Amino acid sequence: MFLPNQKVVCVDGKFPLGIEQLYSELPKEGTTYTIRDIVPGVGLTGEEGETAVYLCEITGPLNAHGIERGFRSDRFAPLQSIEDEAAEEVSAGIFATPAFLPA
């Protein structure tokens, strides 16, 4: 799961038709965002059980109860830094081979 202030990337930017009428802005696939908060979510048709995230970069509209609408957490993946990826490669024994070696 995510933590507040964690950087994430949108991996699912496909939204149901008409949802743009509720939001002034929607997350775009491949774009990096920062988690503002993680909350229990309710789907558009009222079903419970989802986990929603609030993003620092986008403020969602308020629902009929005055609660901000978030985005399903499964639309996002943790953003890995280059250092994290390099550390994973080293621990897995994967090393980049240089194209040439200086003489």
N, C-alpha and C. Protein backbone atom coordinates (compact mmCIF):
# COMPACT_ATOMS: atom_id res chain seq x y z
N MET A 1 0.84 -1.18 0.00
CA MET A 1 0.00 0.00 0.00
C MET A 1 0.89 1.24 0.00
N PHE A 2 0.29 2.36 -0.19
CA PHE A 2 1.02 3.61 -0.29
C PHE A 2 1.06 4.35 1.05
N LEU A 3 1.94 5.34 1.11
CA LEU A 3 2.06 6.21 2.28
C LEU A 3 1.92 7.65 1.83
N PRO A 4 1.44 8.53 2.70
CA PRO A 4 1.40 9.95 2.35
C PRO A 4 2.79 10.44 1.94
N ASN A 5 2.83 11.32 0.97
CA ASN A 5 4.05 11.91 0.40
C ASN A 5 4.83 10.97 -0.50
N GLN A 6 4.34 9.76 -0.71
CA GLN A 6 5.00 8.82 -1.60
C GLN A 6 4.72 9.20 -3.06
N LYS A 7 5.75 9.11 -3.88
CA LYS A 7 5.60 9.36 -5.31
C LYS A 7 5.07 8.09 -5.99
N VAL A 8 4.09 8.29 -6.86
CA VAL A 8 3.50 7.17 -7.60
C VAL A 8 3.36 7.59 -9.06
N VAL A 9 3.18 6.60 -9.92
CA VAL A 9 2.93 6.88 -11.33
C VAL A 9 1.58 6.29 -11.69
N CYS A 10 0.81 7.00 -12.49
CA CYS A 10 -0.50 6.51 -12.93
C CYS A 10 -0.27 5.43 -13.98
N VAL A 11 -0.81 4.24 -13.73
CA VAL A 11 -0.68 3.11 -14.66
C VAL A 11 -2.00 2.79 -15.35
N ASP A 12 -3.07 3.45 -14.94
CA ASP A 12 -4.39 3.24 -15.57
C ASP A 12 -5.10 4.59 -15.67
N GLY A 13 -4.99 5.21 -16.83
CA GLY A 13 -5.62 6.49 -17.06
C GLY A 13 -6.90 6.41 -17.86
N LYS A 14 -7.48 5.20 -17.92
CA LYS A 14 -8.73 5.02 -18.66
C LYS A 14 -9.90 5.14 -17.68
N PHE A 15 -10.75 6.13 -17.90
CA PHE A 15 -11.87 6.40 -17.00
C PHE A 15 -13.19 6.22 -17.74
N PRO A 16 -14.26 5.90 -17.01
CA PRO A 16 -15.57 5.75 -17.65
C PRO A 16 -16.01 7.05 -18.33
N LEU A 17 -16.70 6.90 -19.43
CA LEU A 17 -17.23 8.06 -20.15
C LEU A 17 -18.10 8.90 -19.22
N GLY A 18 -17.97 10.19 -19.28
CA GLY A 18 -18.79 11.10 -18.50
C GLY A 18 -18.19 11.48 -17.16
N ILE A 19 -17.17 10.76 -16.70
CA ILE A 19 -16.60 11.06 -15.37
C ILE A 19 -15.93 12.43 -15.35
N GLU A 20 -15.52 12.90 -16.53
CA GLU A 20 -14.88 14.22 -16.60
C GLU A 20 -15.83 15.34 -16.17
N GLN A 21 -17.13 15.04 -16.12
CA GLN A 21 -18.09 16.03 -15.64
C GLN A 21 -18.00 16.20 -14.12
N LEU A 22 -17.48 15.20 -13.42
CA LEU A 22 -17.34 15.27 -11.97
C LEU A 22 -16.01 15.90 -11.54
N TYR A 23 -14.98 15.69 -12.34
CA TYR A 23 -13.63 16.12 -11.98
C TYR A 23 -13.16 17.24 -12.89
N SER A 24 -12.43 18.19 -12.34
CA SER A 24 -11.85 19.23 -13.18
C SER A 24 -10.59 18.72 -13.87
N GLU A 25 -9.96 17.68 -13.28
CA GLU A 25 -8.76 17.08 -13.86
C GLU A 25 -8.71 15.61 -13.45
N LEU A 26 -8.23 14.77 -14.35
CA LEU A 26 -8.07 13.34 -14.08
C LEU A 26 -6.60 12.96 -14.21
N PRO A 27 -6.15 11.96 -13.45
CA PRO A 27 -4.77 11.51 -13.59
C PRO A 27 -4.51 11.00 -15.00
N LYS A 28 -3.31 11.28 -15.49
CA LYS A 28 -2.92 10.85 -16.82
C LYS A 28 -1.90 9.72 -16.72
N GLU A 29 -2.12 8.69 -17.51
CA GLU A 29 -1.24 7.52 -17.51
C GLU A 29 0.20 7.96 -17.79
N GLY A 30 1.14 7.43 -16.98
CA GLY A 30 2.55 7.74 -17.14
C GLY A 30 3.00 8.98 -16.39
N THR A 31 2.08 9.70 -15.77
CA THR A 31 2.42 10.92 -15.04
C THR A 31 2.67 10.59 -13.57
N THR A 32 3.63 11.29 -12.99
CA THR A 32 3.98 11.09 -11.58
C THR A 32 3.14 12.00 -10.69
N TYR A 33 2.67 11.44 -9.57
CA TYR A 33 1.87 12.18 -8.60
C TYR A 33 2.40 11.89 -7.21
N THR A 34 1.93 12.67 -6.24
CA THR A 34 2.30 12.49 -4.84
C THR A 34 1.05 12.16 -4.05
N ILE A 35 1.12 11.08 -3.25
CA ILE A 35 -0.02 10.68 -2.43
C ILE A 35 -0.22 11.69 -1.30
N ARG A 36 -1.42 12.23 -1.20
CA ARG A 36 -1.77 13.15 -0.12
C ARG A 36 -2.38 12.38 1.04
N ASP A 37 -3.23 11.37 0.73
CA ASP A 37 -3.87 10.57 1.77
C ASP A 37 -4.42 9.30 1.15
N ILE A 38 -4.65 8.30 1.97
CA ILE A 38 -5.23 7.02 1.58
C ILE A 38 -6.49 6.84 2.41
N VAL A 39 -7.63 6.56 1.75
CA VAL A 39 -8.91 6.49 2.46
C VAL A 39 -9.74 5.32 1.93
N PRO A 40 -10.71 4.84 2.75
CA PRO A 40 -11.65 3.85 2.22
C PRO A 40 -12.46 4.51 1.11
N GLY A 41 -12.63 3.79 0.02
CA GLY A 41 -13.33 4.37 -1.12
C GLY A 41 -14.68 3.74 -1.37
N VAL A 42 -15.48 4.47 -2.12
CA VAL A 42 -16.79 4.00 -2.56
C VAL A 42 -16.84 4.23 -4.06
N GLY A 43 -17.20 3.20 -4.82
CA GLY A 43 -17.26 3.31 -6.27
C GLY A 43 -18.34 4.28 -6.72
N LEU A 44 -18.34 4.58 -8.01
CA LEU A 44 -19.30 5.53 -8.57
C LEU A 44 -20.74 5.08 -8.39
N THR A 45 -20.96 3.76 -8.33
CA THR A 45 -22.32 3.25 -8.16
C THR A 45 -22.66 2.96 -6.70
N GLY A 46 -21.76 3.35 -5.77
CA GLY A 46 -22.04 3.22 -4.35
C GLY A 46 -21.46 1.99 -3.68
N GLU A 47 -20.77 1.12 -4.43
CA GLU A 47 -20.20 -0.08 -3.81
C GLU A 47 -18.98 0.29 -2.97
N GLU A 48 -18.90 -0.35 -1.81
CA GLU A 48 -17.79 -0.09 -0.89
C GLU A 48 -16.71 -1.13 -1.08
N GLY A 49 -15.59 -0.95 -0.40
CA GLY A 49 -14.53 -1.94 -0.41
C GLY A 49 -13.31 -1.55 -1.21
N GLU A 50 -13.34 -0.42 -1.88
CA GLU A 50 -12.17 0.04 -2.63
C GLU A 50 -11.29 0.87 -1.71
N THR A 51 -10.04 1.01 -2.09
CA THR A 51 -9.14 1.93 -1.41
C THR A 51 -8.90 3.08 -2.38
N ALA A 52 -9.07 4.28 -1.88
CA ALA A 52 -8.90 5.46 -2.72
C ALA A 52 -7.71 6.27 -2.24
N VAL A 53 -7.14 7.02 -3.16
CA VAL A 53 -6.04 7.92 -2.80
C VAL A 53 -6.42 9.34 -3.19
N TYR A 54 -5.93 10.26 -2.40
CA TYR A 54 -6.00 11.68 -2.73
C TYR A 54 -4.61 12.07 -3.20
N LEU A 55 -4.55 12.90 -4.20
CA LEU A 55 -3.28 13.31 -4.77
C LEU A 55 -3.01 14.78 -4.45
N CYS A 56 -1.75 15.10 -4.20
CA CYS A 56 -1.38 16.50 -3.93
C CYS A 56 -1.64 17.36 -5.16
N GLU A 57 -1.44 16.80 -6.33
CA GLU A 57 -1.52 17.59 -7.56
C GLU A 57 -2.94 17.79 -8.08
N ILE A 58 -3.89 16.97 -7.62
CA ILE A 58 -5.27 17.07 -8.09
C ILE A 58 -6.21 17.04 -6.89
N THR A 59 -7.11 18.01 -6.81
CA THR A 59 -8.12 18.00 -5.76
C THR A 59 -9.43 17.55 -6.39
N GLY A 60 -10.01 16.49 -5.84
CA GLY A 60 -11.26 15.96 -6.38
C GLY A 60 -12.46 16.76 -5.89
N PRO A 61 -13.58 16.60 -6.58
CA PRO A 61 -14.80 17.29 -6.16
C PRO A 61 -15.37 16.65 -4.89
N LEU A 62 -16.27 17.33 -4.23
CA LEU A 62 -16.92 16.79 -3.04
C LEU A 62 -18.17 16.02 -3.45
N ASN A 63 -18.42 14.90 -2.77
CA ASN A 63 -19.64 14.15 -3.04
C ASN A 63 -20.81 14.78 -2.28
N ALA A 64 -21.97 14.15 -2.32
CA ALA A 64 -23.17 14.70 -1.68
C ALA A 64 -23.02 14.85 -0.17
N HIS A 65 -22.06 14.13 0.43
CA HIS A 65 -21.85 14.18 1.88
C HIS A 65 -20.70 15.11 2.27
N GLY A 66 -20.16 15.83 1.27
CA GLY A 66 -19.08 16.75 1.55
C GLY A 66 -17.72 16.10 1.64
N ILE A 67 -17.60 14.87 1.15
CA ILE A 67 -16.33 14.14 1.20
C ILE A 67 -15.70 14.18 -0.19
N GLU A 68 -14.41 14.45 -0.22
CA GLU A 68 -13.70 14.53 -1.49
C GLU A 68 -13.70 13.18 -2.20
N ARG A 69 -13.91 13.20 -3.49
CA ARG A 69 -13.80 11.99 -4.29
C ARG A 69 -12.33 11.77 -4.62
N GLY A 70 -11.85 10.57 -4.38
CA GLY A 70 -10.46 10.24 -4.69
C GLY A 70 -10.38 9.40 -5.94
N PHE A 71 -9.28 8.70 -6.09
CA PHE A 71 -9.05 7.82 -7.23
C PHE A 71 -8.68 6.44 -6.71
N ARG A 72 -9.15 5.40 -7.39
CA ARG A 72 -8.83 4.02 -6.98
C ARG A 72 -7.32 3.85 -6.88
N SER A 73 -6.88 3.26 -5.81
CA SER A 73 -5.44 3.10 -5.58
C SER A 73 -4.79 2.19 -6.62
N ASP A 74 -5.56 1.26 -7.20
CA ASP A 74 -4.96 0.34 -8.18
C ASP A 74 -4.66 1.02 -9.51
N ARG A 75 -5.00 2.28 -9.64
CA ARG A 75 -4.65 3.05 -10.84
C ARG A 75 -3.20 3.53 -10.78
N PHE A 76 -2.52 3.31 -9.64
CA PHE A 76 -1.19 3.85 -9.43
C PHE A 76 -0.21 2.76 -8.99
N ALA A 77 1.05 2.99 -9.30
CA ALA A 77 2.14 2.10 -8.87
C ALA A 77 3.22 2.96 -8.25
N PRO A 78 3.95 2.41 -7.28
CA PRO A 78 5.03 3.18 -6.66
C PRO A 78 6.05 3.61 -7.71
N LEU A 79 6.53 4.81 -7.61
CA LEU A 79 7.57 5.31 -8.50
C LEU A 79 8.91 4.90 -7.91
N GLN A 80 9.70 4.20 -8.70
CA GLN A 80 11.01 3.79 -8.22
C GLN A 80 12.05 4.76 -8.74
N SER A 81 12.95 5.13 -7.86
CA SER A 81 14.03 6.01 -8.28
C SER A 81 15.09 5.18 -9.00
N ILE A 82 15.96 5.84 -9.71
CA ILE A 82 17.06 5.16 -10.40
C ILE A 82 17.92 4.42 -9.39
N GLU A 83 18.12 5.03 -8.21
CA GLU A 83 18.94 4.39 -7.18
C GLU A 83 18.29 3.08 -6.70
N ASP A 84 16.95 3.09 -6.53
CA ASP A 84 16.24 1.90 -6.09
C ASP A 84 16.38 0.79 -7.13
N GLU A 85 16.23 1.14 -8.41
CA GLU A 85 16.34 0.15 -9.47
C GLU A 85 17.75 -0.43 -9.53
N ALA A 86 18.77 0.43 -9.37
CA ALA A 86 20.15 -0.04 -9.40
C ALA A 86 20.42 -0.98 -8.23
N ALA A 87 19.91 -0.65 -7.06
CA ALA A 87 20.10 -1.51 -5.89
C ALA A 87 19.44 -2.86 -6.10
N GLU A 88 18.25 -2.88 -6.71
CA GLU A 88 17.56 -4.14 -6.99
C GLU A 88 18.36 -4.98 -7.98
N GLU A 89 18.93 -4.33 -9.01
CA GLU A 89 19.72 -5.06 -10.00
C GLU A 89 20.96 -5.67 -9.36
N VAL A 90 21.62 -4.91 -8.50
CA VAL A 90 22.82 -5.42 -7.83
C VAL A 90 22.46 -6.61 -6.95
N SER A 91 21.36 -6.49 -6.18
CA SER A 91 20.99 -7.58 -5.28
C SER A 91 20.52 -8.81 -6.06
N ALA A 92 20.04 -8.61 -7.28
CA ALA A 92 19.60 -9.73 -8.11
C ALA A 92 20.74 -10.28 -8.96
N GLY A 93 21.92 -9.61 -8.93
CA GLY A 93 23.05 -10.07 -9.71
C GLY A 93 23.00 -9.64 -11.16
N ILE A 94 22.23 -8.63 -11.45
CA ILE A 94 22.12 -8.12 -12.82
C ILE A 94 22.98 -6.86 -12.90
N PHE A 95 23.95 -6.88 -13.78
CA PHE A 95 24.85 -5.73 -13.92
C PHE A 95 24.82 -5.23 -15.35
N ALA A 96 24.84 -3.94 -15.50
CA ALA A 96 24.88 -3.35 -16.84
C ALA A 96 26.30 -3.57 -17.39
N THR A 97 26.38 -3.99 -18.64
CA THR A 97 27.66 -4.20 -19.30
C THR A 97 27.97 -2.95 -20.10
N PRO A 98 29.13 -2.36 -19.89
CA PRO A 98 29.47 -1.15 -20.65
C PRO A 98 29.65 -1.49 -22.13
N ALA A 99 29.33 -0.52 -22.99
CA ALA A 99 29.48 -0.72 -24.43
C ALA A 99 30.95 -0.80 -24.82
N PHE A 100 31.80 -0.13 -24.08
CA PHE A 100 33.23 -0.17 -24.35
C PHE A 100 33.96 0.11 -23.06
N LEU A 101 35.21 -0.30 -23.02
CA LEU A 101 36.06 -0.02 -21.88
C LEU A 101 37.17 0.92 -22.32
N PRO A 102 37.42 1.97 -21.57
CA PRO A 102 38.52 2.88 -21.98
C PRO A 102 39.85 2.18 -21.89
N ALA A 103 40.76 2.56 -22.78
CA ALA A 103 42.09 1.94 -22.82
C ALA A 103 42.99 2.45 -21.74
